[in-house]
Structures are given as C-alpha cells and as structure tokens.
Amino acid sequence: ALARQAAPSFLLQQQFRMFSDNAAAEASKAAPEVVKSDPGSKSKIRGVQMLIFGGLGAGFLYGYSLFTSQVPQTGPLVPPTAPAPKTSTPGDYAAVRASISSLLDADYDDGSYGPLLVRLAWHASGTYDKASCTGGSNGATMRFPPECNWAANRGLAIARDLLEPVKAAHPWISYADLWTLAGVVAIEDMGGPAVVWRPGRVDYPDGSKIVPDGRLPDATQGAKHLRNIFHRMGFDDRDIVALSGAHTLGRCHPDRSGFSGPWTNAPTTFSNLYFQELVNNTWCPKKWDGPLQYEDAKTHTLMMLPTDLALLSDRTFKKWVGLYAKDEQAFFKDFAVAFGKLMELGVPNPAEPAATS
C-alpha cells in the first residue's frame, strides 16, 4: 500500500539533500565549541559525522528500494497461488486416502460430503448379480449413460465431480478403485469401523457393460424386495440389516429420491443410532405431498422409509435390529465385513489389502 503511494524519486532525493544540509549545519555549530574545549576531538567529530551520514545514506538506499520496487498499481495485494497437488507414486494409497479425507468437511448438507461418498460407493457396487456375474464395482460404469442418469443415482454427479481433483492428483488409480476407497475412507473418518479394502478394479472404456436398471434397492418396497435385491448379490438376512445401518448417515432429498429428512440427529457420525431410533420411536406416516415415508411422532424431525420399517415387521430382520440397537460393536463388526464384501462385488482379482499409512 505504501509503495503504491510512493513519491517520485527526484522528490525523495531533494528531501534527502535538505535533511543532509540541515544536519551538517547543526553539526558545524556544535563542532567549534567542542574543538575549543578539546582540540583533539576534531577527528572524533569527523568520525561521528561519517557515521551519521553513512547511516542516513544506507537508510535512504533501503527506503528508495522499497518505494521503487515493482508492485501492483491498483487493487488489493494478492497472496501467491497455492501450488498444485503433487502426484503420488503408483500404489501409494495412503496418499489417496489423505486426499479424500481433506475433502470431507465442507459446507454441504450437514457439514460433510462423507454420506454422499458412501452412497456413491454403495450404488457403484450394488448392481451385482451373482448368477450372471455382471455389474458390481468393477468398471466404474456410472461414468456413462444411462447408468449415470438412473433415478437411483440422482445427485451422485456431485460426488463424482468432487473426486475429480483426487483423480488428477493420483492419475494411476482407477475410478472404480477411487470411488470404493472414498466410501471406505468416509465411513472411517466419520467414526465408523475400519473396512478392509483391496485394490484391483479397472475402468471400462465405455458403457457397453452397463446392466439393466432396477438392481438397486427401491425404498418404497418391503421385506420381500429387500431379500430379492440383496440375495441376488450374495448377502444373507444378517448382512441386509447390517448394511441398512448405513442409513445412520446423511439424509434424503426431495429432488433426488423424492423423500426428505435425516434418519438421525447426528447424520455425519457413524454409529448404531439408526437402530436405536428405529426401535425406540413411534413412527407415523408423514402428512405431505411426497411419497409414503414415516416421521417420529414426538418431534416430527426424523424420518424412516418403508424399507426401514420393513426391518421391524419381519421377524428375522427385527432380531438383528434389536441386537445392533443394543450392541454398537456387534454392528460395527458385521457392517465392516458386509461393506467390504459389497465393495468387491464384480471384482475378479482383488489385490492384497492396501496399506493405510
């Protein structure tokens, strides 16, 4: 700011000359009296004068360099641009994890992209069919239409775009590995269990292997539908309930799923709170213009979907709901195993578990 208001250099030079002349005059007035009292002090005076003028000259040169340095003539001073992220060595999954973690906390929904990344990993993997060995996380086919435009995948373009800088910083990792790893990292960073994650997925060059729409769960359905969807992937009833516990995270959006609201009051913390809310609240149909969903009768702020309530109406499902509501560690253990299995659906040759640090 000072530099932008600097006077022309010739004005500075005139001011310096005036200051020097005044200083010399004052010194000459004082010098005779000192000489009279001490003839040997003349050389001392000259030494003092040299020190004075030498200091003034050095100060002038320093100040002049400040006033004449190259600076912006208008506008605010701008800090230097942050350096571009460094690319990592192929196989450095710890670096990829760190890049993903740095993106999670943000002014989005309830303060984190974590739940959205879990949904991306889930939907990229949950298309698997064990009978035909099609679908699953291998290939990252959600990059292409029509899969990227499925109703079940609305809003996931936000998650895919969010991860583009991570892909650019670590170009050696496949999208299929990146998306699934992002879901694992998000769960762990939000307080959930460590999930064994193994690389080895590849990216298909086009959408020719996209499976038919309709393989992901439909939240408007009941227990029979859940078994059809999850048994097709190779999961049992216990796995179904454990994986449903991912609803402890995030919320529904009317412009995506058609539903609205969070399942818990801590939607960015991974816990067994979803099961506690499910069994401890009274759930009533929500009166609104949207599809059938349920709200807690006490506060009307939490919601459950028909597939959530199906876990209570089915005797086998309800047994596991009760266990997980009472024992968070049992839920964490079972969820970690089931989610790790989900992330590897359709992956022919997963590698050894990747190092985390």
Foldseek 3Di string as FASTA:
>chain_A
DVLLVFDDPVVLVVVLVVVLVVVVVVLVVPVVVVCVVPVVCNVVSVVVNCVVVVVSVVVSVVVVCSNPPDDDNDDDDDDDDDDQAAADDPQPVLVLLVVLVVQFADPDAVGGCLLLLLLQLLLQALLAFPVVLAGGLAASLCVAPPNVVDLQNPPSVVVVVSCVSSCVRHVNAAPSLSSNVSNQSQQVVQPFDRAFAFDQGHHDPHNPRPDDPDLDDQLQDADVSLCVNVVRLPDDLLLSLLQVLSLLADFDDCVRNNDGAHQDPSRSHRWLVSLLCLPVFDWDWDPDDTDTWTAGPPPRHHIGTNHSNNLCVDPVSVVSSVVCNVDGVVSRVSNSVSSNSSSCRSRPDTDHGRDND
